[in-house]
Amino acid sequence: MNPAEPGVLHNTGPADPLLRFRDEFPILGRTNYLISNSLGAMPRGAAEGLRRYADSWETRGVRAWGDPVNGWWDMSVKTGDLLAPILGVGLGETTFHQNVTIASALFLSCLDFRGPRNKIVLIDVDFPSLQYLYHRHPDAQVVTLKSPDGLGVDVEELCAAIDEETRLVAVSHVLFRSSFVVDAQRVSRRCKEVGATLLLDVFQSAGTMPIHLKQWGIDAATGGCLKWLCGGPGNAYLWVNPDHWQTLAPRLTGWQAHARPFGFEPGPIDAHLDARRFLTGTPNVPALFAAPAGLEIVAAAGLSPIRAKSTRQTSHLIELADAAGWKVNASRDPARRGGTVAIEMPHAKEVAAELNARDICCDYRPGAGVRFSPHFYTRDDELDAAVEGVKDIIRTGAWERHAAVHRTVT
């Protein structure tokens, strides 16, 4: 059978123990889902969690906030505990927030830039939302390191830009366009040499590879669950190294961070002494009910097996792209490559649109091409089917209908 035919997919490789989790994700039964770098497939347990939320609201009403099991008030920290084995941190150290921009802004509000140590060091190919945040800081001098190729970063050049005037280094562990892996341990060592603070964004790495934030000496980290952790939107998180809890006082704060929130005390905040000092206002309760299922499955699958499979499947994608004569915008070194392979082929934007119309989910990013992101639940033959789909779209000119739509819209 033609592997490009929608719905006709067969695993042709050796037995894959990670595929035992595949049935937990309903969309995989009808879609070739290669877009976990953008939105992870929804596990069945997420729908069950949302039903529990609805049931608790319906039957318990306002009492749901304080229920001893699944009480809404404590979920911002209790859900964070599910991330402990994934991030290499301890229990009670991670808090949940609406999105990674808010989580980053919260940590940024802990730091004082009114003095000679006022630099923020960024990478120009990092996620734009965070760049927008840092560039608006009224007291900071933003230093942006330019990528030599628009895809990766020279870690030694990055470290050279970090000096005694640097207050904050805000970089991603894995870059979103190219999936380039930044050497976080090397950057952390440099920050410690000059007294700078490192905020590491692990959005594109958590769930695809082992992470050891404490062991690496990271000061703080942000990320989210909607991608590789299959937890849905509205579930970002902030981890702050406990060594810094007593010296950091966020200006972006709220009543959940107060030591006695239900005392409704006016005046300056008396913040919690633990990770709860990094909370803000009322939590995003429905999202917190959706997140645990994906986190539990990723932890059960194991980060080392997930990373091994990811490395193998992304290598196969590169081989397929090479054979087709397309440009690969991802590192050839597996140690420097995350879970995504971006491929530039003719009419890439329109090709991505047609692939999605054929139930082969992927995305397109300017300067990178079509991004394919297999995950632990992906079958080997689905990669072949996606590439054969691209070839068919180019050969038949099916991409042209999306170019016409684009011209009409613009």
Protein backbone atom coordinates (compact mmCIF):
# COMPACT_ATOMS: atom_id res chain seq x y z
CA MET A 1 0.00 0.00 0.00
CA ASN A 2 1.04 3.58 -0.56
CA PRO A 3 2.42 4.79 2.82
CA ALA A 4 1.20 8.31 1.99
CA GLU A 5 -2.46 7.21 2.01
CA PRO A 6 -4.26 8.76 5.01
CA GLY A 7 -5.17 6.20 7.63
CA VAL A 8 -2.96 3.45 6.16
CA LEU A 9 -0.07 3.29 8.61
CA HIS A 10 1.85 0.27 9.80
CA ASN A 11 4.80 -0.09 12.11
CA THR A 12 7.59 -1.63 10.09
CA GLY A 13 10.40 -1.41 12.63
CA PRO A 14 11.35 -3.69 15.55
CA ALA A 15 9.15 -4.00 18.61
CA ASP A 16 9.01 -0.63 20.36
CA PRO A 17 8.11 -0.79 24.06
CA LEU A 18 7.16 2.90 24.12
CA LEU A 19 4.27 2.21 21.76
CA ARG A 20 2.46 0.59 24.69
CA PHE A 21 1.36 4.13 25.59
CA ARG A 22 -0.02 4.87 22.12
CA ASP A 23 -3.62 3.86 22.87
CA GLU A 24 -3.75 6.49 25.60
CA PHE A 25 -3.83 9.20 22.89
CA PRO A 26 -7.05 9.00 20.83
CA ILE A 27 -5.94 11.31 18.00
CA LEU A 28 -3.19 8.85 17.04
CA GLY A 29 -5.80 6.41 15.80
CA ARG A 30 -6.77 8.72 12.95
CA THR A 31 -3.92 11.21 12.50
CA ASN A 32 -0.21 11.04 11.73
CA TYR A 33 0.67 13.38 14.58
CA LEU A 34 4.14 14.90 14.13
CA ILE A 35 3.64 18.22 15.89
CA SER A 36 4.32 17.58 19.58
CA ASN A 37 6.81 20.46 19.49
CA SER A 38 3.76 22.74 19.23
CA LEU A 39 0.93 20.87 20.96
CA GLY A 40 1.26 17.39 22.37
CA ALA A 41 -1.43 14.81 21.69
CA MET A 42 -4.13 14.77 24.36
CA PRO A 43 -4.13 11.71 26.61
CA ARG A 44 -7.44 10.14 27.60
CA GLY A 45 -6.67 11.01 31.18
CA ALA A 46 -6.77 14.73 30.40
CA ALA A 47 -10.44 14.48 29.43
CA GLU A 48 -11.08 12.48 32.59
CA GLY A 49 -9.32 15.17 34.62
CA LEU A 50 -11.49 17.87 33.09
CA ARG A 51 -14.58 15.82 33.92
CA ARG A 52 -13.39 15.61 37.54
CA TYR A 53 -13.02 19.38 37.55
CA ALA A 54 -16.56 19.84 36.21
CA ASP A 55 -17.92 17.34 38.71
CA SER A 56 -16.19 19.03 41.63
CA TRP A 57 -17.47 22.44 40.59
CA GLU A 58 -20.98 21.09 40.07
CA THR A 59 -21.22 19.04 43.27
CA ARG A 60 -18.88 20.80 45.68
CA GLY A 61 -19.19 24.41 44.55
CA VAL A 62 -17.02 26.79 46.55
CA ARG A 63 -16.06 23.96 48.92
CA ALA A 64 -13.90 22.51 46.10
CA TRP A 65 -11.17 25.02 46.91
CA GLY A 66 -10.39 23.34 50.23
CA ASP A 67 -11.19 19.68 49.55
CA PRO A 68 -8.50 17.40 51.03
CA VAL A 69 -8.19 15.44 47.76
CA ASN A 70 -7.92 17.45 44.53
CA GLY A 71 -8.54 20.68 46.40
CA TRP A 72 -8.22 23.53 43.94
CA TRP A 73 -6.18 25.89 46.11
CA ASP A 74 -3.06 23.72 46.40
CA MET A 75 -2.96 22.41 42.84
CA SER A 76 -0.42 24.98 41.59
CA VAL A 77 2.24 23.31 43.74
CA LYS A 78 0.94 19.74 43.90
CA THR A 79 0.85 19.51 40.11
CA GLY A 80 4.38 20.88 40.09
CA ASP A 81 5.48 17.83 42.06
CA LEU A 82 4.74 15.67 39.01
CA LEU A 83 7.53 17.56 37.24
CA ALA A 84 10.16 16.72 39.85
CA PRO A 85 11.49 13.55 38.13
CA ILE A 86 11.21 15.17 34.71
CA LEU A 87 13.23 18.27 35.65
CA GLY A 88 15.60 16.69 38.16
CA VAL A 89 14.36 18.77 41.10
CA GLY A 90 12.76 18.17 44.49
CA LEU A 91 9.15 18.05 45.61
CA GLY A 92 7.49 21.33 46.51
CA GLU A 93 9.87 23.38 44.35
CA THR A 94 7.86 24.03 41.15
CA THR A 95 4.84 26.28 40.72
CA PHE A 96 2.34 26.44 37.85
CA HIS A 97 1.36 29.59 35.94
CA GLN A 98 -0.76 30.63 32.96
CA ASN A 99 2.05 30.74 30.37
CA VAL A 100 5.82 30.90 30.17
CA THR A 101 5.86 34.64 29.53
CA ILE A 102 4.09 35.25 32.84
CA ALA A 103 6.41 32.79 34.60
CA SER A 104 9.45 34.55 33.13
CA ALA A 105 8.08 37.98 34.03
CA LEU A 106 7.55 36.79 37.59
CA PHE A 107 11.17 35.74 37.93
CA LEU A 108 12.34 38.89 36.17
CA SER A 109 10.47 40.92 38.79
CA CYS A 110 12.74 39.44 41.47
CA LEU A 111 15.86 41.12 40.05
CA ASP A 112 17.16 44.67 40.43
CA PHE A 113 18.78 46.24 37.37
CA ARG A 114 19.37 49.70 38.87
CA GLY A 115 23.14 49.60 39.04
CA PRO A 116 26.26 48.65 37.13
CA ARG A 117 25.12 45.00 36.90
CA ASN A 118 22.23 45.70 34.55
CA LYS A 119 22.66 43.51 31.46
CA ILE A 120 20.28 40.87 30.16
CA VAL A 121 21.94 38.49 27.70
CA LEU A 122 19.65 36.92 25.10
CA ILE A 123 19.93 34.90 21.88
CA ASP A 124 18.34 36.39 18.75
CA VAL A 125 16.83 33.06 17.66
CA ASP A 126 15.03 32.49 20.96
CA PHE A 127 11.24 32.54 21.22
CA PRO A 128 10.02 36.07 20.37
CA SER A 129 7.45 36.37 23.18
CA LEU A 130 10.22 36.32 25.75
CA GLN A 131 12.36 38.77 23.79
CA TYR A 132 9.42 41.19 23.78
CA LEU A 133 9.27 40.92 27.57
CA TYR A 134 12.95 41.58 28.22
CA HIS A 135 13.27 44.43 25.75
CA ARG A 136 10.56 46.35 27.60
CA HIS A 137 12.41 46.38 30.92
CA PRO A 138 12.98 50.05 31.85
CA ASP A 139 16.30 49.58 33.67
CA ALA A 140 17.99 46.74 31.81
CA GLN A 141 20.56 46.90 29.04
CA VAL A 142 19.68 44.10 26.64
CA VAL A 143 22.58 42.37 24.88
CA THR A 144 21.46 40.03 22.11
CA LEU A 145 23.87 37.46 20.71
CA LYS A 146 23.36 36.90 16.99
CA SER A 147 23.22 33.34 15.74
CA PRO A 148 25.88 32.65 13.09
CA ASP A 149 23.46 30.69 10.90
CA GLY A 150 19.99 31.57 12.20
CA LEU A 151 19.65 28.10 13.69
CA GLY A 152 22.14 27.53 16.50
CA VAL A 153 24.48 29.39 18.81
CA ASP A 154 28.20 29.25 19.53
CA VAL A 155 28.24 28.53 23.26
CA GLU A 156 31.71 30.03 23.70
CA GLU A 157 30.56 33.27 22.08
CA LEU A 158 27.55 33.23 24.37
CA CYS A 159 29.75 32.74 27.41
CA ALA A 160 32.04 35.55 26.28
CA ALA A 161 29.04 37.90 26.22
CA ILE A 162 28.33 37.08 29.87
CA ASP A 163 30.45 39.35 32.04
CA GLU A 164 30.57 41.07 35.45
CA GLU A 165 27.90 43.54 34.31
CA THR A 166 25.44 40.76 33.45
CA ARG A 167 22.51 40.42 35.82
CA LEU A 168 20.45 37.87 33.91
CA VAL A 169 21.07 35.32 31.16
CA ALA A 170 17.76 34.17 29.68
CA VAL A 171 18.18 31.41 27.09
CA SER A 172 16.40 28.27 25.95
CA HIS A 173 17.85 24.82 26.49
CA VAL A 174 16.49 23.79 23.07
CA LEU A 175 15.80 26.46 20.44
CA PHE A 176 12.27 26.40 19.06
CA ARG A 177 12.95 26.79 15.31
CA SER A 178 15.85 24.40 14.80
CA SER A 179 15.75 22.21 17.94
CA PHE A 180 19.40 23.12 18.57
CA VAL A 181 20.50 22.07 22.06
CA VAL A 182 22.37 24.75 24.01
CA ASP A 183 24.99 23.47 26.46
CA ALA A 184 23.17 24.57 29.62
CA GLN A 185 25.86 23.28 31.97
CA ARG A 186 28.55 25.33 30.23
CA VAL A 187 26.40 28.46 30.38
CA SER A 188 25.62 27.80 34.04
CA ARG A 189 29.33 27.53 34.89
CA ARG A 190 30.03 30.83 33.15
CA CYS A 191 27.21 32.55 35.02
CA LYS A 192 28.66 31.39 38.31
CA GLU A 193 32.14 32.61 37.34
CA VAL A 194 30.91 36.20 36.98
CA GLY A 195 27.96 36.21 39.41
CA ALA A 196 25.19 36.33 36.81
CA THR A 197 21.79 34.63 37.16
CA LEU A 198 20.64 32.00 34.65
CA LEU A 199 16.97 31.57 33.73
CA LEU A 200 16.76 28.50 31.47
CA ASP A 201 13.71 27.89 29.28
CA VAL A 202 13.17 24.12 29.04
CA PHE A 203 9.91 24.30 27.08
CA GLN A 204 11.35 22.41 24.09
CA SER A 205 13.47 19.94 26.08
CA ALA A 206 11.38 18.81 29.06
CA GLY A 207 9.70 15.59 28.02
CA THR A 208 12.19 14.76 25.26
CA MET A 209 15.42 14.22 27.18
CA PRO A 210 16.77 13.82 30.71
CA ILE A 211 17.13 17.15 32.53
CA HIS A 212 19.00 17.70 35.79
CA LEU A 213 18.43 21.31 36.79
CA LYS A 214 19.83 20.99 40.30
CA GLN A 215 22.81 18.94 39.24
CA TRP A 216 23.59 21.45 36.49
CA GLY A 217 23.52 24.34 38.95
CA ILE A 218 20.68 26.18 37.19
CA ASP A 219 19.28 29.16 39.10
CA ALA A 220 15.75 29.04 37.70
CA ALA A 221 13.83 27.45 34.84
CA THR A 222 10.56 27.96 33.01
CA GLY A 223 8.63 25.75 30.64
CA GLY A 224 5.19 24.48 29.80
CA CYS A 225 3.18 21.29 29.49
CA LEU A 226 1.30 21.87 26.26
CA LYS A 227 4.06 20.51 24.01
CA TRP A 228 6.13 17.42 24.77
CA LEU A 229 4.50 16.88 28.18
CA CYS A 230 1.02 16.52 26.67
CA GLY A 231 -0.60 18.65 29.36
CA GLY A 232 -2.52 21.18 27.28
CA PRO A 233 -2.40 24.99 27.24
CA GLY A 234 -2.54 27.14 30.36
CA ASN A 235 0.03 24.95 32.13
CA ALA A 236 3.37 26.71 32.33
CA TYR A 237 5.71 26.34 35.28
CA LEU A 238 8.49 28.07 37.15
CA TRP A 239 11.22 26.32 39.12
CA VAL A 240 13.51 28.39 41.32
CA ASN A 241 16.53 26.81 42.98
CA PRO A 242 15.72 26.62 46.73
CA ASP A 243 19.13 28.20 47.43
CA HIS A 244 17.63 31.48 46.18
CA TRP A 245 14.23 31.42 47.88
CA GLN A 246 15.18 33.64 50.78
CA THR A 247 16.88 36.28 48.63
CA LEU A 248 14.25 36.68 45.90
CA ALA A 249 11.11 38.76 46.42
CA PRO A 250 8.94 38.98 43.28
CA ARG A 251 7.30 42.31 42.59
CA LEU A 252 4.85 40.50 40.33
CA THR A 253 2.90 38.72 43.04
CA GLY A 254 -0.58 38.04 44.40
CA TRP A 255 -2.58 36.64 47.24
CA GLN A 256 -1.56 33.00 46.70
CA ALA A 257 1.99 34.05 47.57
CA HIS A 258 0.92 35.59 50.90
CA ALA A 259 1.67 33.53 54.02
CA ARG A 260 -1.91 33.98 55.25
CA PRO A 261 -3.98 34.49 52.10
CA PHE A 262 -7.33 34.03 53.81
CA GLY A 263 -6.47 36.63 56.42
CA PHE A 264 -7.11 39.22 53.70
CA GLU A 265 -4.52 41.50 55.29
CA PRO A 266 -3.94 44.92 53.72
CA GLY A 267 -0.50 46.39 53.09
CA PRO A 268 2.77 44.85 51.90
CA ILE A 269 2.87 41.12 51.31
CA ASP A 270 4.30 38.73 53.90
CA ALA A 271 5.37 36.12 51.40
CA HIS A 272 5.64 32.39 51.96
CA LEU A 273 9.17 31.21 52.74
CA ASP A 274 8.99 28.33 50.24
CA ALA A 275 8.21 28.02 46.53
CA ARG A 276 4.72 29.41 47.09
CA ARG A 277 6.29 32.87 47.28
CA PHE A 278 6.48 32.60 43.45
CA LEU A 279 2.70 32.25 43.03
CA THR A 280 0.44 35.10 41.99
CA GLY A 281 -3.36 35.23 41.93
CA THR A 282 -6.13 32.69 41.55
CA PRO A 283 -4.84 29.60 39.67
CA ASN A 284 -6.00 28.26 36.31
CA VAL A 285 -7.90 25.35 37.83
CA PRO A 286 -9.28 23.60 34.70
CA ALA A 287 -5.82 23.49 33.11
CA LEU A 288 -4.36 22.00 36.28
CA PHE A 289 -6.88 19.16 36.12
CA ALA A 290 -5.84 18.47 32.50
CA ALA A 291 -2.07 18.38 33.04
CA PRO A 292 -1.36 15.35 35.29
CA ALA A 293 -2.21 12.58 32.81
CA GLY A 294 0.50 13.59 30.34
CA LEU A 295 3.08 14.20 33.05
CA GLU A 296 2.45 10.78 34.55
CA ILE A 297 2.74 9.02 31.19
CA VAL A 298 6.01 10.78 30.31
CA ALA A 299 7.47 9.87 33.69
CA ALA A 300 6.33 6.25 33.28
CA ALA A 301 7.82 6.05 29.77
CA GLY A 302 11.16 7.32 31.08
CA LEU A 303 13.25 10.19 29.76
CA SER A 304 16.21 8.03 28.71
CA PRO A 305 14.13 5.70 26.50
CA ILE A 306 12.26 8.70 25.09
CA ARG A 307 15.54 10.42 24.24
CA ALA A 308 16.98 7.29 22.61
CA LYS A 309 13.90 6.88 20.43
CA SER A 310 13.83 10.58 19.58
CA THR A 311 17.46 10.51 18.50
CA ARG A 312 16.84 7.47 16.30
CA GLN A 313 13.70 8.83 14.66
CA THR A 314 15.06 12.33 14.04
CA SER A 315 18.15 10.72 12.48
CA HIS A 316 15.84 8.77 10.17
CA LEU A 317 14.03 11.96 9.17
CA ILE A 318 17.35 13.56 8.28
CA GLU A 319 18.28 10.53 6.15
CA LEU A 320 14.95 10.75 4.32
CA ALA A 321 15.37 14.48 3.70
CA ASP A 322 18.91 13.98 2.44
CA ALA A 323 17.75 11.28 0.06
CA ALA A 324 15.11 13.65 -1.31
CA GLY A 325 17.64 16.46 -1.77
CA TRP A 326 16.03 18.83 0.74
CA LYS A 327 17.84 21.16 3.13
CA VAL A 328 17.86 20.06 6.77
CA ASN A 329 17.79 22.89 9.31
CA ALA A 330 18.72 20.79 12.32
CA SER A 331 22.01 19.73 13.83
CA ARG A 332 23.63 16.59 12.46
CA ASP A 333 25.08 15.98 15.92
CA PRO A 334 22.48 14.10 18.00
CA ALA A 335 23.87 15.65 21.19
CA ARG A 336 23.02 19.10 19.82
CA ARG A 337 19.62 18.13 18.39
CA GLY A 338 16.33 18.05 20.26
CA GLY A 339 13.14 16.33 19.20
CA THR A 340 12.37 18.27 16.02
CA VAL A 341 13.74 18.20 12.48
CA ALA A 342 13.02 21.27 10.36
CA ILE A 343 13.23 20.63 6.61
CA GLU A 344 13.25 23.24 3.84
CA MET A 345 11.75 21.88 0.65
CA PRO A 346 10.16 23.67 -2.34
CA HIS A 347 6.98 25.56 -1.38
CA ALA A 348 7.46 24.54 2.25
CA LYS A 349 4.73 26.74 3.72
CA GLU A 350 2.12 25.46 1.30
CA VAL A 351 3.35 21.89 1.66
CA ALA A 352 2.80 22.08 5.42
CA ALA A 353 -0.75 23.33 4.87
CA GLU A 354 -1.51 20.44 2.51
CA LEU A 355 0.04 17.87 4.87
CA ASN A 356 -2.29 19.07 7.62
CA ALA A 357 -5.22 18.85 5.22
CA ARG A 358 -4.23 15.20 4.69
CA ASP A 359 -4.19 14.51 8.44
CA ILE A 360 -0.41 14.59 8.68
CA CYS A 361 0.07 17.17 11.42
CA CYS A 362 3.19 19.35 11.23
CA ASP A 363 3.93 23.07 11.10
CA TYR A 364 5.98 25.64 9.22
CA ARG A 365 8.28 28.31 10.63
CA PRO A 366 10.01 31.04 8.58
CA GLY A 367 13.72 30.46 8.33
CA ALA A 368 13.37 26.81 9.29
CA GLY A 369 10.88 25.10 6.99
CA VAL A 370 8.46 22.31 7.83
CA ARG A 371 8.94 21.02 11.36
CA PHE A 372 8.40 17.31 12.04
CA SER A 373 8.41 16.26 15.69
CA PRO A 374 8.04 12.54 16.44
CA HIS A 375 7.47 11.63 20.07
CA PHE A 376 7.52 8.45 22.14
CA TYR A 377 4.12 7.48 20.74
CA THR A 378 5.16 7.84 17.07
CA ARG A 379 5.54 4.76 14.87
CA ASP A 380 8.52 4.52 12.54
CA ASP A 381 6.38 4.14 9.42
CA GLU A 382 4.63 7.44 10.17
CA LEU A 383 7.87 9.24 9.35
CA ASP A 384 8.09 7.50 5.99
CA ALA A 385 4.43 8.31 5.32
CA ALA A 386 5.00 12.01 6.04
CA VAL A 387 7.97 12.25 3.68
CA GLU A 388 6.14 10.33 0.96
CA GLY A 389 3.27 12.76 1.46
CA VAL A 390 5.61 15.69 0.83
CA LYS A 391 6.91 14.09 -2.34
CA ASP A 392 3.38 13.49 -3.59
CA ILE A 393 2.33 17.07 -2.84
CA ILE A 394 5.29 18.49 -4.76
CA ARG A 395 4.96 16.02 -7.63
CA THR A 396 1.22 16.60 -8.14
CA GLY A 397 1.28 20.33 -7.47
CA ALA A 398 -1.24 19.96 -4.64
CA TRP A 399 0.59 22.71 -2.75
CA GLU A 400 -0.70 25.27 -5.28
CA ARG A 401 -4.21 25.43 -3.84
CA HIS A 402 -2.78 26.75 -0.58
CA ALA A 403 -0.72 29.35 -2.40
CA ALA A 404 -3.92 30.56 -4.07
CA VAL A 405 -5.68 30.78 -0.70
CA HIS A 406 -2.75 32.73 0.71
CA ARG A 407 -2.84 35.21 -2.18
CA THR A 408 -6.57 35.70 -1.68
CA VAL A 409 -6.25 36.29 2.06
CA THR A 410 -3.35 38.73 1.78
